[in-house]
Protein backbone atom coordinates (compact mmCIF):
# COMPACT_ATOMS: atom_id res chain seq x y z
CA MET A 1 11.16 -34.15 -8.61
CA LYS A 2 12.54 -31.71 -11.24
CA ARG A 3 10.50 -28.84 -11.93
CA ARG A 4 9.74 -29.53 -15.67
CA HIS A 5 8.99 -33.31 -14.90
CA PHE A 6 6.52 -32.13 -12.18
CA ILE A 7 4.32 -29.90 -14.49
CA LYS A 8 4.42 -32.75 -16.97
CA ASN A 9 3.42 -35.36 -14.65
CA ALA A 10 0.72 -32.99 -13.18
CA ALA A 11 -1.06 -32.70 -16.55
CA LEU A 12 -0.83 -36.23 -17.29
CA THR A 13 -2.00 -37.69 -14.00
CA SER A 14 -4.71 -35.13 -13.18
CA ALA A 15 -6.40 -35.24 -16.70
CA GLY A 16 -20.93 6.05 7.53
CA LEU A 17 -19.16 8.80 7.92
CA ALA A 18 -17.95 9.61 11.52
CA VAL A 19 -19.12 12.83 13.14
CA GLY A 20 -17.66 14.67 16.04
CA SER A 21 -14.13 15.15 17.37
CA THR A 22 -14.23 12.33 19.84
CA LEU A 23 -14.93 9.80 17.06
CA ALA A 24 -12.12 11.34 15.04
CA SER A 25 -9.81 11.04 17.88
CA CYS A 26 -10.69 7.66 18.24
CA ALA A 27 -10.08 6.91 14.77
CA GLU A 28 -6.63 8.37 14.78
CA ASN A 29 -5.77 6.43 17.89
CA THR A 30 -6.79 3.15 16.19
CA LYS A 31 -4.67 4.03 13.16
CA GLU A 32 -1.80 4.83 15.25
CA SER A 33 -2.29 1.43 17.31
CA SER A 34 -2.43 -0.30 13.69
CA VAL A 35 0.89 1.15 12.67
CA THR A 36 2.54 0.35 16.13
CA LYS A 37 1.50 -3.33 15.97
CA VAL A 38 2.86 -3.83 12.53
CA THR A 39 6.11 -2.29 13.66
CA ASP A 40 6.17 -4.65 16.48
CA ASP A 41 5.42 -7.62 14.13
CA ILE A 42 8.27 -6.80 12.01
CA SER A 43 10.64 -6.49 14.93
CA LYS A 44 9.67 -9.98 16.14
CA ALA A 45 9.93 -11.69 12.66
CA LYS A 46 13.09 -13.66 12.16
CA LEU A 47 14.68 -11.51 9.50
CA PRO A 48 16.32 -11.53 6.90
CA LEU A 49 14.14 -14.00 5.06
CA VAL A 50 14.25 -15.39 1.40
CA ILE A 51 11.75 -17.56 -0.38
CA ALA A 52 11.85 -18.85 -3.82
CA THR A 53 9.68 -20.99 -6.34
CA TRP A 54 10.81 -24.81 -6.57
CA HIS A 55 14.06 -26.45 -5.25
CA VAL A 56 16.65 -23.75 -5.61
CA LYS A 57 18.72 -23.85 -2.48
CA ASP A 58 21.83 -22.51 -4.05
CA ALA A 59 19.93 -19.57 -5.22
CA THR A 60 18.34 -18.84 -1.93
CA ALA A 61 21.79 -19.37 -0.13
CA LYS A 62 23.29 -16.68 -2.37
CA ALA A 63 20.48 -14.37 -1.65
CA MET A 64 20.87 -14.88 2.04
CA GLU A 65 24.50 -14.37 1.82
CA VAL A 66 23.87 -10.99 0.46
CA LEU A 67 21.48 -10.10 3.02
CA GLN A 68 23.82 -11.46 5.93
CA ALA A 69 26.54 -9.27 4.62
CA GLY A 70 24.42 -6.14 4.95
CA GLY A 71 23.00 -6.03 1.43
CA ASN A 72 19.46 -5.09 0.78
CA ALA A 73 16.52 -7.22 -0.53
CA LEU A 74 16.86 -5.95 -3.88
CA ASP A 75 20.53 -6.90 -4.29
CA ALA A 76 19.66 -10.20 -2.66
CA VAL A 77 16.94 -11.14 -5.23
CA GLU A 78 19.05 -10.18 -8.29
CA GLN A 79 21.96 -12.18 -7.05
CA GLY A 80 19.92 -15.17 -6.15
CA CYS A 81 18.19 -15.23 -9.49
CA ARG A 82 21.63 -14.93 -11.27
CA VAL A 83 22.56 -18.21 -9.93
CA GLU A 84 19.83 -20.05 -11.52
CA GLU A 85 20.18 -18.10 -14.85
CA ALA A 86 23.80 -19.23 -15.00
CA ASN A 87 22.70 -22.81 -14.32
CA GLU A 88 22.91 -24.62 -17.64
CA LYS A 89 21.39 -27.71 -16.38
CA GLY A 90 18.22 -26.06 -15.36
CA GLN A 91 16.87 -25.71 -18.94
CA SER A 92 14.33 -23.27 -17.88
CA VAL A 93 15.97 -20.09 -16.83
CA GLY A 94 18.92 -18.31 -18.58
CA LYS A 95 21.52 -20.03 -20.40
CA GLY A 96 20.54 -23.55 -21.44
CA GLY A 97 16.86 -22.76 -21.36
CA LEU A 98 14.75 -24.81 -23.90
CA PRO A 99 14.11 -22.71 -27.09
CA ASP A 100 11.04 -21.66 -29.00
CA ARG A 101 9.97 -23.60 -32.05
CA ASP A 102 12.58 -21.80 -34.11
CA GLY A 103 15.44 -22.88 -31.72
CA ASN A 104 15.79 -19.62 -30.29
CA VAL A 105 16.35 -19.17 -26.53
CA THR A 106 14.33 -16.03 -25.51
CA LEU A 107 14.25 -14.73 -21.78
CA ASP A 108 11.56 -12.80 -19.92
CA ALA A 109 12.39 -11.26 -16.33
CA CYS A 110 11.41 -8.59 -13.96
CA ILE A 111 12.35 -7.06 -10.88
CA MET A 112 10.73 -4.88 -8.33
CA ASP A 113 11.93 -2.81 -5.28
CA LYS A 114 10.46 -1.56 -1.90
CA HIS A 115 9.45 1.86 -3.51
CA GLY A 116 7.20 0.15 -6.17
CA ASN A 117 9.88 0.78 -8.91
CA CYS A 118 10.09 -1.95 -11.45
CA GLY A 119 11.76 -3.00 -14.58
CA ALA A 120 11.35 -5.73 -17.08
CA VAL A 121 12.72 -7.41 -20.41
CA VAL A 122 10.74 -9.59 -22.78
CA TYR A 123 11.89 -11.61 -25.49
CA LEU A 124 15.44 -10.97 -24.81
CA GLN A 125 18.08 -13.15 -26.63
CA ASP A 126 21.91 -13.88 -26.23
CA ILE A 127 22.08 -12.42 -22.73
CA THR A 128 22.17 -14.82 -19.85
CA HIS A 129 21.44 -12.35 -17.11
CA ALA A 130 17.91 -11.08 -17.91
CA VAL A 131 17.09 -10.05 -14.33
CA SER A 132 20.15 -7.80 -14.28
CA VAL A 133 19.14 -6.15 -17.48
CA ALA A 134 15.69 -5.80 -15.99
CA ARG A 135 17.09 -3.94 -12.88
CA LYS A 136 19.00 -1.60 -15.23
CA VAL A 137 15.75 -0.80 -17.15
CA MET A 138 14.13 0.11 -13.66
CA GLU A 139 17.23 2.12 -12.48
CA ASP A 140 18.66 3.68 -15.47
CA THR A 141 15.99 4.27 -18.13
CA PRO A 142 12.46 6.29 -17.96
CA HIS A 143 10.98 2.93 -18.86
CA VAL A 144 9.38 -0.16 -17.08
CA MET A 145 9.92 -2.59 -19.97
CA LEU A 146 12.31 -3.27 -23.06
CA ALA A 147 11.58 -5.92 -25.49
CA GLY A 148 13.38 -8.04 -28.08
CA GLU A 149 16.13 -6.45 -30.19
CA GLY A 150 15.87 -3.25 -28.30
CA ALA A 151 16.36 -4.94 -25.04
CA LYS A 152 19.30 -6.92 -26.44
CA GLN A 153 20.91 -3.63 -27.74
CA TYR A 154 20.27 -1.87 -24.36
CA ALA A 155 21.90 -4.67 -22.64
CA ILE A 156 24.97 -4.70 -24.82
CA SER A 157 25.30 -0.91 -24.29
CA GLN A 158 25.52 -1.48 -20.64
CA GLY A 159 28.29 -3.78 -20.89
CA PHE A 160 26.50 -7.24 -20.81
CA LYS A 161 28.23 -9.72 -23.16
CA PRO A 162 26.19 -11.57 -25.99
CA GLU A 163 26.54 -15.41 -26.07
CA ASP A 164 24.74 -18.20 -27.58
CA LEU A 165 22.28 -19.55 -24.79
CA LEU A 166 21.43 -22.60 -26.70
CA THR A 167 23.51 -25.39 -25.20
CA GLU A 168 24.06 -28.86 -26.67
CA ALA A 169 21.64 -30.44 -24.26
CA SER A 170 18.88 -27.97 -25.04
CA LYS A 171 19.57 -28.20 -28.86
CA GLU A 172 19.23 -32.14 -28.45
CA ALA A 173 15.87 -31.84 -26.54
CA TRP A 174 14.59 -29.39 -29.31
CA ASN A 175 15.57 -31.82 -31.97
CA LYS A 176 13.87 -34.51 -30.42
CA TRP A 177 10.69 -32.33 -29.94
CA LYS A 178 10.55 -31.55 -33.72
CA ILE A 179 9.96 -35.27 -34.64
CA GLU A 180 6.28 -35.18 -33.45
CA ALA A 181 5.87 -31.38 -32.87
CA LYS A 182 2.45 -30.03 -33.06
CA TYR A 183 1.83 -26.32 -33.68
CA LYS A 184 -0.47 -25.55 -31.03
CA PRO A 185 0.74 -25.51 -27.25
CA ILE A 186 -0.01 -29.06 -25.63
CA ILE A 187 0.68 -28.86 -21.84
CA ASN A 188 1.85 -32.23 -21.46
CA ILE A 189 4.46 -31.71 -24.13
CA GLU A 190 5.71 -28.20 -23.71
CA ASN A 191 6.64 -27.87 -20.08
CA HIS A 192 7.69 -24.66 -18.61
CA ASP A 193 8.69 -23.07 -15.19
CA THR A 194 10.14 -20.00 -13.51
CA ILE A 195 12.42 -19.05 -10.68
CA GLY A 196 10.67 -16.36 -8.71
CA MET A 197 12.23 -14.91 -5.47
CA LEU A 198 11.13 -12.67 -2.72
CA ALA A 199 13.33 -11.38 0.22
CA ILE A 200 12.81 -9.35 3.44
CA ASP A 201 16.04 -7.61 4.58
CA LYS A 202 16.87 -6.88 8.27
CA ASN A 203 15.24 -3.50 7.87
CA GLY A 204 11.83 -5.23 6.95
CA ASP A 205 12.09 -3.93 3.40
CA ILE A 206 10.65 -6.33 0.70
CA SER A 207 11.92 -6.83 -3.20
CA GLY A 208 11.24 -9.45 -5.70
CA ALA A 209 12.42 -10.88 -9.04
CA CYS A 210 11.19 -13.22 -11.46
CA THR A 211 13.16 -14.82 -14.50
CA THR A 212 12.52 -17.51 -17.08
CA SER A 213 13.17 -18.93 -20.51
CA GLY A 214 9.28 -19.27 -20.78
CA LEU A 215 7.15 -21.95 -22.49
CA ALA A 216 9.50 -24.68 -24.00
CA TYR A 217 8.77 -24.75 -27.70
CA LYS A 218 6.45 -21.82 -27.82
CA MET A 219 5.55 -19.86 -30.70
CA GLY A 220 8.14 -17.09 -31.65
CA GLY A 221 7.28 -13.82 -29.85
CA ARG A 222 5.33 -15.48 -27.08
CA VAL A 223 5.51 -13.79 -23.59
CA GLY A 224 4.14 -15.15 -20.39
CA ASP A 225 3.32 -13.78 -17.01
CA SER A 226 6.85 -13.62 -15.63
CA PRO A 227 7.84 -10.29 -16.80
CA ILE A 228 4.58 -8.45 -16.38
CA ILE A 229 4.23 -6.70 -12.89
CA GLY A 230 1.21 -7.70 -11.19
CA SER A 231 0.99 -11.02 -13.05
CA GLY A 232 4.19 -12.90 -12.44
CA LEU A 233 5.44 -10.47 -9.72
CA PHE A 234 4.11 -7.87 -7.31
CA VAL A 235 5.71 -6.12 -4.23
CA ASP A 236 3.79 -3.66 -2.01
CA ASN A 237 6.32 -2.86 0.86
CA GLU A 238 3.63 -1.93 3.20
CA ILE A 239 1.77 -5.20 2.74
CA GLY A 240 3.59 -7.86 1.19
CA ALA A 241 4.67 -9.75 -2.18
CA CYS A 242 3.92 -12.56 -4.25
CA VAL A 243 5.39 -14.32 -7.26
CA ALA A 244 3.91 -16.97 -9.71
CA THR A 245 5.14 -19.93 -11.56
CA GLY A 246 3.31 -22.28 -14.20
CA LEU A 247 1.20 -21.65 -17.25
CA GLY A 248 1.58 -17.82 -17.57
CA GLU A 249 -1.44 -17.35 -19.90
CA GLU A 250 -3.66 -18.31 -16.81
CA VAL A 251 -1.70 -16.21 -14.44
CA VAL A 252 -2.29 -13.17 -16.63
CA LYS A 253 -6.03 -13.80 -16.90
CA THR A 254 -6.45 -13.19 -13.07
CA VAL A 255 -3.43 -10.73 -12.69
CA GLY A 256 -2.53 -13.40 -10.03
CA SER A 257 0.36 -11.81 -8.09
CA PHE A 258 -1.27 -8.56 -7.55
CA LEU A 259 -4.50 -10.55 -6.52
CA VAL A 260 -2.49 -12.16 -3.81
CA VAL A 261 -1.10 -9.14 -2.36
CA GLU A 262 -4.47 -7.38 -2.37
CA LEU A 263 -5.88 -10.25 -0.41
CA ILE A 264 -3.20 -10.02 2.10
CA ARG A 265 -4.12 -6.32 2.30
CA GLN A 266 -7.66 -7.24 3.05
CA GLY A 267 -6.43 -9.34 6.14
CA LYS A 268 -5.74 -12.73 4.95
CA SER A 269 -2.46 -14.58 5.69
CA PRO A 270 -0.14 -15.32 2.83
CA GLN A 271 -1.30 -19.05 2.73
CA ASP A 272 -4.93 -18.23 2.61
CA ALA A 273 -4.31 -15.46 -0.10
CA CYS A 274 -2.43 -17.97 -2.28
CA GLU A 275 -5.11 -20.53 -1.96
CA GLU A 276 -7.94 -18.07 -2.78
CA ALA A 277 -5.83 -16.83 -5.99
CA ILE A 278 -5.76 -20.62 -7.29
CA SER A 279 -9.40 -20.95 -6.50
CA ARG A 280 -10.00 -17.94 -8.89
CA ILE A 281 -8.46 -19.91 -11.63
CA VAL A 282 -9.88 -23.40 -11.10
CA ASN A 283 -13.36 -22.02 -10.59
CA LYS A 284 -13.48 -20.13 -13.74
CA PRO A 285 -16.15 -21.48 -16.00
CA ASN A 286 -14.93 -24.02 -18.43
CA SER A 287 -11.45 -24.10 -16.70
CA ASP A 288 -9.22 -26.63 -17.93
CA TYR A 289 -7.05 -26.64 -14.83
CA LYS A 290 -6.53 -30.42 -14.64
CA ASN A 291 -4.18 -29.96 -17.78
CA PHE A 292 -2.12 -27.07 -16.49
CA GLN A 293 -0.32 -26.04 -13.40
CA VAL A 294 0.09 -22.53 -11.51
CA GLY A 295 1.67 -22.07 -8.26
CA TYR A 296 2.16 -19.03 -5.91
CA ILE A 297 4.48 -18.19 -3.20
CA ALA A 298 3.81 -15.09 -0.86
CA VAL A 299 5.11 -13.28 2.13
CA ASN A 300 3.67 -10.49 4.28
CA LYS A 301 5.21 -7.77 6.28
CA LYS A 302 5.25 -9.81 9.19
CA GLY A 303 7.48 -12.22 7.64
CA GLU A 304 4.85 -14.98 7.36
CA THR A 305 4.94 -17.02 4.19
CA GLY A 306 2.62 -19.06 2.09
CA SER A 307 2.70 -21.44 -1.02
CA TYR A 308 -0.25 -23.18 -2.97
CA SER A 309 -0.62 -24.61 -6.38
CA ILE A 310 -3.26 -26.64 -8.59
CA HIS A 311 -1.27 -29.83 -8.67
CA GLN A 312 0.73 -31.97 -6.33
CA TRP A 313 4.77 -31.51 -6.14
CA PHE A 314 5.17 -27.68 -6.49
CA SER A 315 7.65 -26.60 -3.90
CA MET A 316 8.93 -23.45 -2.14
CA THR A 317 12.62 -23.09 -0.92
CA LYS A 318 12.74 -21.00 2.34
CA PHE A 319 15.91 -19.53 3.92
CA GLN A 320 15.15 -18.17 7.51
CA ASP A 321 16.68 -18.41 10.81
CA GLY A 322 19.78 -20.33 9.56
CA VAL A 323 17.63 -22.97 7.80
CA ASN A 324 17.70 -23.31 3.98
CA GLU A 325 14.79 -25.86 3.33
CA GLN A 326 12.54 -27.13 0.59
CA ILE A 327 8.98 -27.12 1.58
CA GLN A 328 6.18 -28.94 -0.36
CA SER A 329 3.28 -27.00 -1.16
CA ASP A 330 -0.16 -27.81 -0.45
CA TYR A 331 -2.33 -28.01 -3.64
CA PHE A 332 -5.88 -28.01 -4.86
CA ASN A 333 -6.32 -31.09 -6.96
CA LYS A 334 -6.52 -33.88 -4.54
CA ALA A 335 -8.76 -36.13 -6.89
């Protein structure tokens, strides 16, 4: 099932302080044992590993190709996301993405490396590979985020070529939407999704990236969770990483990806952490969760993965140990 159709259908059908040298020594030994265990777990994991939101086997294949050639996790997630950004048929990422209400295709993206460095662009126009611009922001500027015209001009200064991102197919869809367009967002009309990707390279280092054209037919200037570090994406190389997809406004309200990683830090598995993060959304007072979708994918330092969503048909693509497969996510709303 296509990503956009899934979100639409989901909305429609789901209407003391230790004293003494002995205790101190025991504590230190415990700490060393813990570090040794994590190291052992990493060595046993089948690395490298790539996971991504939705059915994007071409993207995960490209990322794995980078890793198997000796590239690092950061290179892998960038190159993997670029595959979808260049896919005009996707209509949700990069070139060919569905526009805002005024017919402008605007892109949001972020990227985060093993050191906790990060870069993002928001409301970027006329540049296909937003994820690569985000990496440039991270590596070559003193900033984390650039927006709008400033982001575009920076991209051009770095050699990115401007081009019209509104394809004929997306223009036609926009024109059809305008016939009965309503000004406030209506979830079962204005669908959206994202590609988020996480990778662990052979050294056990983690990086992640996230890129999207955002909510279709959104108000001009709208920015979702995807380029916001901690919401759409978070990486802690000591613990794990998470990336989100779905209605960005709801992910931002719970700082979802950071929450998942912190839950993993507290001892939860990636799967349990994703499930808990979804429960934080659906159990909020007056939550309208039956009318929107959110999904998370996550990985821990041991190479264990998890995915969970509010509604059915969210999926994760996983490439590990020679197998590139789509995995249907478990979900909350089984009513």
